[in-house]
Amino acid sequence: MIYFYLDKDNNVIPCEEGMEAFLEWSTWFDNTYMDGSHWIASTKIKGILVSTIFLGMNHQWGEGPPVVFETMILGGWIDQEYQERYCTYDEAKEGHAAAIKVALKYTAWHYRLGAPFKKLWNNRHYKMRKIKDRWKTKAIKSKLLENLKALLK
Protein backbone atom coordinates (compact mmCIF):
# COMPACT_ATOMS: atom_id res chain seq x y z
CA MET A 1 0.00 0.00 0.00
CA ILE A 2 1.27 3.44 -0.93
CA TYR A 3 -1.68 5.77 -0.24
CA PHE A 4 -3.54 6.24 3.04
CA TYR A 5 -6.56 7.98 4.52
CA LEU A 6 -6.90 9.41 7.99
CA ASP A 7 -10.32 8.64 9.48
CA LYS A 8 -12.26 10.73 12.04
CA ASP A 9 -10.61 8.85 14.92
CA ASN A 10 -7.14 9.59 13.42
CA ASN A 11 -6.53 5.99 12.39
CA VAL A 12 -4.45 5.39 9.27
CA ILE A 13 -6.55 3.53 6.67
CA PRO A 14 -4.93 2.07 3.51
CA CYS A 15 -6.40 3.02 0.15
CA GLU A 16 -7.80 0.17 -1.93
CA GLU A 17 -6.02 -0.92 -5.11
CA GLY A 18 -7.14 0.31 -8.53
CA MET A 19 -7.49 3.52 -10.47
CA GLU A 20 -10.97 4.36 -9.18
CA ALA A 21 -9.81 4.06 -5.56
CA PHE A 22 -6.72 6.15 -6.34
CA LEU A 23 -8.85 8.92 -7.88
CA GLU A 24 -11.11 8.86 -4.82
CA TRP A 25 -8.04 9.09 -2.56
CA SER A 26 -6.50 11.95 -4.56
CA THR A 27 -9.75 13.94 -4.32
CA TRP A 28 -9.90 13.29 -0.56
CA PHE A 29 -6.23 14.25 -0.16
CA ASP A 30 -6.65 17.42 -2.20
CA ASN A 31 -9.58 18.42 0.02
CA THR A 32 -7.53 17.86 3.19
CA TYR A 33 -4.94 20.29 1.88
CA MET A 34 -7.61 22.81 0.94
CA ASP A 35 -9.30 22.75 4.34
CA GLY A 36 -6.10 22.20 6.37
CA SER A 37 -7.20 18.95 7.97
CA HIS A 38 -3.87 17.30 7.06
CA TRP A 39 -2.25 19.46 9.75
CA ILE A 40 -1.94 17.51 12.97
CA ALA A 41 -0.34 20.33 14.96
CA SER A 42 1.31 23.68 14.33
CA THR A 43 3.18 25.77 16.90
CA LYS A 44 4.94 29.12 16.43
CA ILE A 45 7.82 30.04 18.74
CA LYS A 46 9.55 33.41 18.19
CA GLY A 47 9.54 33.19 14.39
CA ILE A 48 10.05 29.42 14.25
CA LEU A 49 7.27 27.08 13.11
CA VAL A 50 7.01 23.52 14.41
CA SER A 51 4.73 21.69 11.98
CA THR A 52 3.32 18.15 12.08
CA ILE A 53 1.29 16.90 9.11
CA PHE A 54 -0.30 13.77 7.70
CA LEU A 55 1.59 12.94 4.49
CA GLY A 56 -1.02 10.59 2.98
CA MET A 57 1.70 8.53 1.27
CA ASN A 58 4.00 5.88 2.69
CA HIS A 59 7.53 7.24 3.16
CA GLN A 60 8.88 3.93 4.48
CA TRP A 61 11.96 2.63 2.70
CA GLY A 62 11.93 -1.17 2.85
CA GLU A 63 9.89 -3.34 5.18
CA GLY A 64 7.87 -2.13 8.13
CA PRO A 65 4.75 -0.18 8.97
CA PRO A 66 3.83 2.79 6.76
CA VAL A 67 5.45 6.09 7.72
CA VAL A 68 2.76 8.70 7.04
CA PHE A 69 3.30 11.59 9.50
CA GLU A 70 6.08 14.18 9.54
CA THR A 71 7.29 16.86 11.95
CA MET A 72 9.60 19.65 10.81
CA ILE A 73 11.03 22.81 12.33
CA LEU A 74 10.87 25.71 9.87
CA GLY A 75 12.55 29.09 10.29
CA GLY A 76 15.46 30.43 12.27
CA TRP A 77 18.99 29.08 12.05
CA ILE A 78 17.78 25.47 12.12
CA ASP A 79 15.35 25.90 9.23
CA GLN A 80 14.43 22.45 7.82
CA GLU A 81 17.33 20.73 9.61
CA TYR A 82 14.99 18.98 12.06
CA GLN A 83 12.71 16.39 10.45
CA GLU A 84 11.15 13.30 12.00
CA ARG A 85 8.61 10.87 10.56
CA TYR A 86 6.12 8.61 12.34
CA CYS A 87 3.75 5.70 11.75
CA THR A 88 0.83 6.61 14.03
CA TYR A 89 -1.09 9.69 15.05
CA ASP A 90 -0.05 9.28 18.71
CA GLU A 91 3.63 9.04 17.75
CA ALA A 92 3.22 12.18 15.65
CA LYS A 93 1.68 14.09 18.59
CA GLU A 94 4.54 12.97 20.88
CA GLY A 95 7.06 13.87 18.18
CA HIS A 96 5.52 17.32 17.84
CA ALA A 97 5.94 17.88 21.59
CA ALA A 98 9.59 16.75 21.35
CA ALA A 99 10.19 19.12 18.42
CA ILE A 100 8.76 22.01 20.45
CA LYS A 101 11.33 21.26 23.17
CA VAL A 102 14.10 21.34 20.54
CA ALA A 103 12.80 24.65 19.17
CA LEU A 104 12.59 26.12 22.70
CA LYS A 105 16.18 25.08 23.46
CA TYR A 106 17.27 26.61 20.18
CA THR A 107 15.47 29.90 20.77
CA ALA A 108 16.78 30.11 24.35
CA TRP A 109 20.36 29.58 23.13
CA HIS A 110 19.90 31.90 20.16
CA TYR A 111 18.36 34.76 22.12
CA ARG A 112 20.80 34.39 25.02
CA LEU A 113 23.73 34.89 22.66
CA GLY A 114 21.79 37.32 20.53
CA ALA A 115 23.11 39.85 18.06
CA PRO A 116 26.77 39.99 19.24
CA PHE A 117 27.26 36.31 18.45
CA LYS A 118 25.53 36.62 15.07
CA LYS A 119 27.71 39.63 14.22
CA LEU A 120 30.85 37.75 15.28
CA TRP A 121 29.79 34.68 13.25
CA ASN A 122 29.10 36.74 10.13
CA ASN A 123 32.36 38.70 10.57
CA ARG A 124 34.34 35.48 10.80
CA HIS A 125 32.89 34.30 7.50
CA TYR A 126 33.45 37.71 5.90
CA LYS A 127 37.12 37.75 6.96
CA MET A 128 37.64 34.20 5.72
CA ARG A 129 36.17 35.14 2.33
CA LYS A 130 38.39 38.22 2.17
CA ILE A 131 41.53 36.19 2.94
CA LYS A 132 40.54 33.55 0.40
CA ASP A 133 39.89 36.22 -2.26
CA ARG A 134 43.27 37.84 -1.55
CA TRP A 135 44.98 34.48 -1.82
CA LYS A 136 43.22 33.78 -5.12
CA THR A 137 44.22 37.22 -6.44
CA LYS A 138 47.88 36.69 -5.45
CA ALA A 139 47.90 33.22 -7.00
CA ILE A 140 46.42 34.54 -10.25
CA LYS A 141 48.93 37.44 -10.38
CA SER A 142 51.90 35.14 -9.83
CA LYS A 143 50.63 32.71 -12.47
CA LEU A 144 50.22 35.60 -14.96
CA LEU A 145 53.74 36.84 -14.22
CA GLU A 146 55.14 33.35 -14.78
CA ASN A 147 53.32 33.08 -18.12
CA LEU A 148 54.51 36.57 -19.16
CA LYS A 149 58.14 35.75 -18.30
CA ALA A 150 57.85 32.49 -20.28
CA LEU A 151 56.50 34.41 -23.31
CA LEU A 152 59.22 37.06 -23.16
CA LYS A 153 62.07 34.52 -23.17
C-alpha atoms as a PDB file:
ATOM      1  CA  MET A   1       0.000   0.000   0.000  1.00  0.00           C
ATOM      2  CA  ILE A   2       1.271   3.444  -0.926  1.00  0.00           C
ATOM      3  CA  TYR A   3      -1.679   5.772  -0.236  1.00  0.00           C
ATOM      4  CA  PHE A   4      -3.538   6.237   3.038  1.00  0.00           C
ATOM      5  CA  TYR A   5      -6.556   7.982   4.521  1.00  0.00           C
ATOM      6  CA  LEU A   6      -6.898   9.410   7.986  1.00  0.00           C
ATOM      7  CA  ASP A   7     -10.315   8.637   9.476  1.00  0.00           C
ATOM      8  CA  LYS A   8     -12.264  10.733  12.036  1.00  0.00           C
ATOM      9  CA  ASP A   9     -10.611   8.846  14.918  1.00  0.00           C
ATOM     10  CA  ASN A  10      -7.144   9.594  13.417  1.00  0.00           C
ATOM     11  CA  ASN A  11      -6.531   5.993  12.387  1.00  0.00           C
ATOM     12  CA  VAL A  12      -4.447   5.387   9.268  1.00  0.00           C
ATOM     13  CA  ILE A  13      -6.553   3.532   6.668  1.00  0.00           C
ATOM     14  CA  PRO A  14      -4.931   2.071   3.512  1.00  0.00           C
ATOM     15  CA  CYS A  15      -6.396   3.015   0.153  1.00  0.00           C
ATOM     16  CA  GLU A  16      -7.797   0.167  -1.927  1.00  0.00           C
ATOM     17  CA  GLU A  17      -6.020  -0.924  -5.106  1.00  0.00           C
ATOM     18  CA  GLY A  18      -7.136   0.308  -8.532  1.00  0.00           C
ATOM     19  CA  MET A  19      -7.491   3.519 -10.465  1.00  0.00           C
ATOM     20  CA  GLU A  20     -10.966   4.359  -9.179  1.00  0.00           C
ATOM     21  CA  ALA A  21      -9.805   4.055  -5.558  1.00  0.00           C
ATOM     22  CA  PHE A  22      -6.717   6.155  -6.336  1.00  0.00           C
ATOM     23  CA  LEU A  23      -8.849   8.916  -7.878  1.00  0.00           C
ATOM     24  CA  GLU A  24     -11.109   8.865  -4.816  1.00  0.00           C
ATOM     25  CA  TRP A  25      -8.042   9.095  -2.556  1.00  0.00           C
ATOM     26  CA  SER A  26      -6.504  11.945  -4.564  1.00  0.00           C
ATOM     27  CA  THR A  27      -9.750  13.940  -4.316  1.00  0.00           C
ATOM     28  CA  TRP A  28      -9.896  13.294  -0.561  1.00  0.00           C
ATOM     29  CA  PHE A  29      -6.229  14.246  -0.156  1.00  0.00           C
ATOM     30  CA  ASP A  30      -6.653  17.425  -2.199  1.00  0.00           C
ATOM     31  CA  ASN A  31      -9.583  18.421   0.019  1.00  0.00           C
ATOM     32  CA  THR A  32      -7.530  17.863   3.188  1.00  0.00           C
ATOM     33  CA  TYR A  33      -4.935  20.295   1.880  1.00  0.00           C
ATOM     34  CA  MET A  34      -7.608  22.814   0.941  1.00  0.00           C
ATOM     35  CA  ASP A  35      -9.301  22.751   4.339  1.00  0.00           C
ATOM     36  CA  GLY A  36      -6.101  22.200   6.367  1.00  0.00           C
ATOM     37  CA  SER A  37      -7.200  18.949   7.972  1.00  0.00           C
ATOM     38  CA  HIS A  38      -3.874  17.299   7.057  1.00  0.00           C
ATOM     39  CA  TRP A  39      -2.253  19.465   9.755  1.00  0.00           C
ATOM     40  CA  ILE A  40      -1.937  17.508  12.967  1.00  0.00           C
ATOM     41  CA  ALA A  41      -0.340  20.332  14.955  1.00  0.00           C
ATOM     42  CA  SER A  42       1.308  23.678  14.330  1.00  0.00           C
ATOM     43  CA  THR A  43       3.175  25.767  16.905  1.00  0.00           C
ATOM     44  CA  LYS A  44       4.941  29.122  16.434  1.00  0.00           C
ATOM     45  CA  ILE A  45       7.816  30.045  18.744  1.00  0.00           C
ATOM     46  CA  LYS A  46       9.555  33.407  18.190  1.00  0.00           C
ATOM     47  CA  GLY A  47       9.537  33.193  14.394  1.00  0.00           C
ATOM     48  CA  ILE A  48      10.052  29.424  14.253  1.00  0.00           C
ATOM     49  CA  LEU A  49       7.273  27.082  13.113  1.00  0.00           C
ATOM     50  CA  VAL A  50       7.008  23.520  14.411  1.00  0.00           C
ATOM     51  CA  SER A  51       4.735  21.686  11.979  1.00  0.00           C
ATOM     52  CA  THR A  52       3.317  18.150  12.078  1.00  0.00           C
ATOM     53  CA  ILE A  53       1.294  16.902   9.107  1.00  0.00           C
ATOM     54  CA  PHE A  54      -0.303  13.766   7.703  1.00  0.00           C
ATOM     55  CA  LEU A  55       1.590  12.940   4.493  1.00  0.00           C
ATOM     56  CA  GLY A  56      -1.016  10.589   2.981  1.00  0.00           C
ATOM     57  CA  MET A  57       1.699   8.527   1.274  1.00  0.00           C
ATOM     58  CA  ASN A  58       4.001   5.879   2.687  1.00  0.00           C
ATOM     59  CA  HIS A  59       7.530   7.242   3.156  1.00  0.00           C
ATOM     60  CA  GLN A  60       8.876   3.930   4.476  1.00  0.00           C
ATOM     61  CA  TRP A  61      11.963   2.627   2.699  1.00  0.00           C
ATOM     62  CA  GLY A  62      11.931  -1.165   2.853  1.00  0.00           C
ATOM     63  CA  GLU A  63       9.894  -3.339   5.179  1.00  0.00           C
ATOM     64  CA  GLY A  64       7.869  -2.128   8.126  1.00  0.00           C
ATOM     65  CA  PRO A  65       4.753  -0.183   8.974  1.00  0.00           C
ATOM     66  CA  PRO A  66       3.827   2.788   6.763  1.00  0.00           C
ATOM     67  CA  VAL A  67       5.445   6.091   7.717  1.00  0.00           C
ATOM     68  CA  VAL A  68       2.755   8.698   7.043  1.00  0.00           C
ATOM     69  CA  PHE A  69       3.302  11.591   9.503  1.00  0.00           C
ATOM     70  CA  GLU A  70       6.078  14.181   9.535  1.00  0.00           C
ATOM     71  CA  THR A  71       7.291  16.864  11.952  1.00  0.00           C
ATOM     72  CA  MET A  72       9.599  19.653  10.814  1.00  0.00           C
ATOM     73  CA  ILE A  73      11.028  22.814  12.327  1.00  0.00           C
ATOM     74  CA  LEU A  74      10.870  25.714   9.869  1.00  0.00           C
ATOM     75  CA  GLY A  75      12.554  29.087  10.289  1.00  0.00           C
ATOM     76  CA  GLY A  76      15.464  30.428  12.268  1.00  0.00           C
ATOM     77  CA  TRP A  77      18.988  29.085  12.049  1.00  0.00           C
ATOM     78  CA  ILE A  78      17.776  25.472  12.121  1.00  0.00           C
ATOM     79  CA  ASP A  79      15.353  25.903   9.233  1.00  0.00           C
ATOM     80  CA  GLN A  80      14.431  22.451   7.817  1.00  0.00           C
ATOM     81  CA  GLU A  81      17.330  20.731   9.607  1.00  0.00           C
ATOM     82  CA  TYR A  82      14.992  18.977  12.055  1.00  0.00           C
ATOM     83  CA  GLN A  83      12.711  16.392  10.453  1.00  0.00           C
ATOM     84  CA  GLU A  84      11.153  13.302  12.005  1.00  0.00           C
ATOM     85  CA  ARG A  85       8.606  10.871  10.559  1.00  0.00           C
ATOM     86  CA  TYR A  86       6.119   8.608  12.335  1.00  0.00           C
ATOM     87  CA  CYS A  87       3.751   5.698  11.747  1.00  0.00           C
ATOM     88  CA  THR A  88       0.832   6.606  14.030  1.00  0.00           C
ATOM     89  CA  TYR A  89      -1.092   9.694  15.046  1.00  0.00           C
ATOM     90  CA  ASP A  90      -0.052   9.283  18.709  1.00  0.00           C
ATOM     91  CA  GLU A  91       3.633   9.037  17.754  1.00  0.00           C
ATOM     92  CA  ALA A  92       3.219  12.182  15.648  1.00  0.00           C
ATOM     93  CA  LYS A  93       1.678  14.092  18.592  1.00  0.00           C
ATOM     94  CA  GLU A  94       4.537  12.972  20.880  1.00  0.00           C
ATOM     95  CA  GLY A  95       7.059  13.873  18.179  1.00  0.00           C
ATOM     96  CA  HIS A  96       5.523  17.325  17.837  1.00  0.00           C
ATOM     97  CA  ALA A  97       5.938  17.885  21.587  1.00  0.00           C
ATOM     98  CA  ALA A  98       9.588  16.748  21.349  1.00  0.00           C
ATOM     99  CA  ALA A  99      10.193  19.119  18.420  1.00  0.00           C
ATOM    100  CA  ILE A 100       8.756  22.005  20.448  1.00  0.00           C
ATOM    101  CA  LYS A 101      11.335  21.264  23.167  1.00  0.00           C
ATOM    102  CA  VAL A 102      14.102  21.340  20.535  1.00  0.00           C
ATOM    103  CA  ALA A 103      12.803  24.654  19.174  1.00  0.00           C
ATOM    104  CA  LEU A 104      12.587  26.122  22.701  1.00  0.00           C
ATOM    105  CA  LYS A 105      16.175  25.081  23.461  1.00  0.00           C
ATOM    106  CA  TYR A 106      17.270  26.606  20.183  1.00  0.00           C
ATOM    107  CA  THR A 107      15.475  29.896  20.774  1.00  0.00           C
ATOM    108  CA  ALA A 108      16.783  30.113  24.353  1.00  0.00           C
ATOM    109  CA  TRP A 109      20.357  29.579  23.127  1.00  0.00           C
ATOM    110  CA  HIS A 110      19.905  31.900  20.158  1.00  0.00           C
ATOM    111  CA  TYR A 111      18.358  34.757  22.120  1.00  0.00           C
ATOM    112  CA  ARG A 112      20.805  34.386  25.020  1.00  0.00           C
ATOM    113  CA  LEU A 113      23.733  34.886  22.662  1.00  0.00           C
ATOM    114  CA  GLY A 114      21.787  37.316  20.529  1.00  0.00           C
ATOM    115  CA  ALA A 115      23.106  39.852  18.063  1.00  0.00           C
ATOM    116  CA  PRO A 116      26.767  39.995  19.239  1.00  0.00           C
ATOM    117  CA  PHE A 117      27.256  36.311  18.449  1.00  0.00           C
ATOM    118  CA  LYS A 118      25.527  36.616  15.071  1.00  0.00           C
ATOM    119  CA  LYS A 119      27.709  39.633  14.215  1.00  0.00           C
ATOM    120  CA  LEU A 120      30.847  37.754  15.278  1.00  0.00           C
ATOM    121  CA  TRP A 121      29.794  34.683  13.254  1.00  0.00           C
ATOM    122  CA  ASN A 122      29.101  36.743  10.134  1.00  0.00           C
ATOM    123  CA  ASN A 123      32.363  38.704  10.568  1.00  0.00           C
ATOM    124  CA  ARG A 124      34.344  35.484  10.801  1.00  0.00           C
ATOM    125  CA  HIS A 125      32.895  34.297   7.495  1.00  0.00           C
ATOM    126  CA  TYR A 126      33.455  37.709   5.897  1.00  0.00           C
ATOM    127  CA  LYS A 127      37.116  37.746   6.962  1.00  0.00           C
ATOM    128  CA  MET A 128      37.637  34.201   5.717  1.00  0.00           C
ATOM    129  CA  ARG A 129      36.165  35.139   2.328  1.00  0.00           C
ATOM    130  CA  LYS A 130      38.385  38.215   2.175  1.00  0.00           C
ATOM    131  CA  ILE A 131      41.528  36.189   2.939  1.00  0.00           C
ATOM    132  CA  LYS A 132      40.541  33.549   0.402  1.00  0.00           C
ATOM    133  CA  ASP A 133      39.890  36.218  -2.258  1.00  0.00           C
ATOM    134  CA  ARG A 134      43.273  37.845  -1.553  1.00  0.00           C
ATOM    135  CA  TRP A 135      44.976  34.479  -1.825  1.00  0.00           C
ATOM    136  CA  LYS A 136      43.221  33.784  -5.124  1.00  0.00           C
ATOM    137  CA  THR A 137      44.222  37.220  -6.445  1.00  0.00           C
ATOM    138  CA  LYS A 138      47.884  36.690  -5.455  1.00  0.00           C
ATOM    139  CA  ALA A 139      47.896  33.223  -6.995  1.00  0.00           C
ATOM    140  CA  ILE A 140      46.420  34.541 -10.246  1.00  0.00           C
ATOM    141  CA  LYS A 141      48.929  37.439 -10.383  1.00  0.00           C
ATOM    142  CA  SER A 142      51.895  35.141  -9.826  1.00  0.00           C
ATOM    143  CA  LYS A 143      50.625  32.714 -12.472  1.00  0.00           C
ATOM    144  CA  LEU A 144      50.218  35.599 -14.959  1.00  0.00           C
ATOM    145  CA  LEU A 145      53.741  36.842 -14.217  1.00  0.00           C
ATOM    146  CA  GLU A 146      55.143  33.355 -14.783  1.00  0.00           C
ATOM    147  CA  ASN A 147      53.319  33.077 -18.117  1.00  0.00           C
ATOM    148  CA  LEU A 148      54.514  36.568 -19.156  1.00  0.00           C
ATOM    149  CA  LYS A 149      58.135  35.749 -18.298  1.00  0.00           C
ATOM    150  CA  ALA A 150      57.847  32.495 -20.281  1.00  0.00           C
ATOM    151  CA  LEU A 151      56.499  34.408 -23.314  1.00  0.00           C
ATOM    152  CA  LEU A 152      59.223  37.056 -23.162  1.00  0.00           C
ATOM    153  CA  LYS A 153      62.066  34.519 -23.171  1.00  0.00           C
END
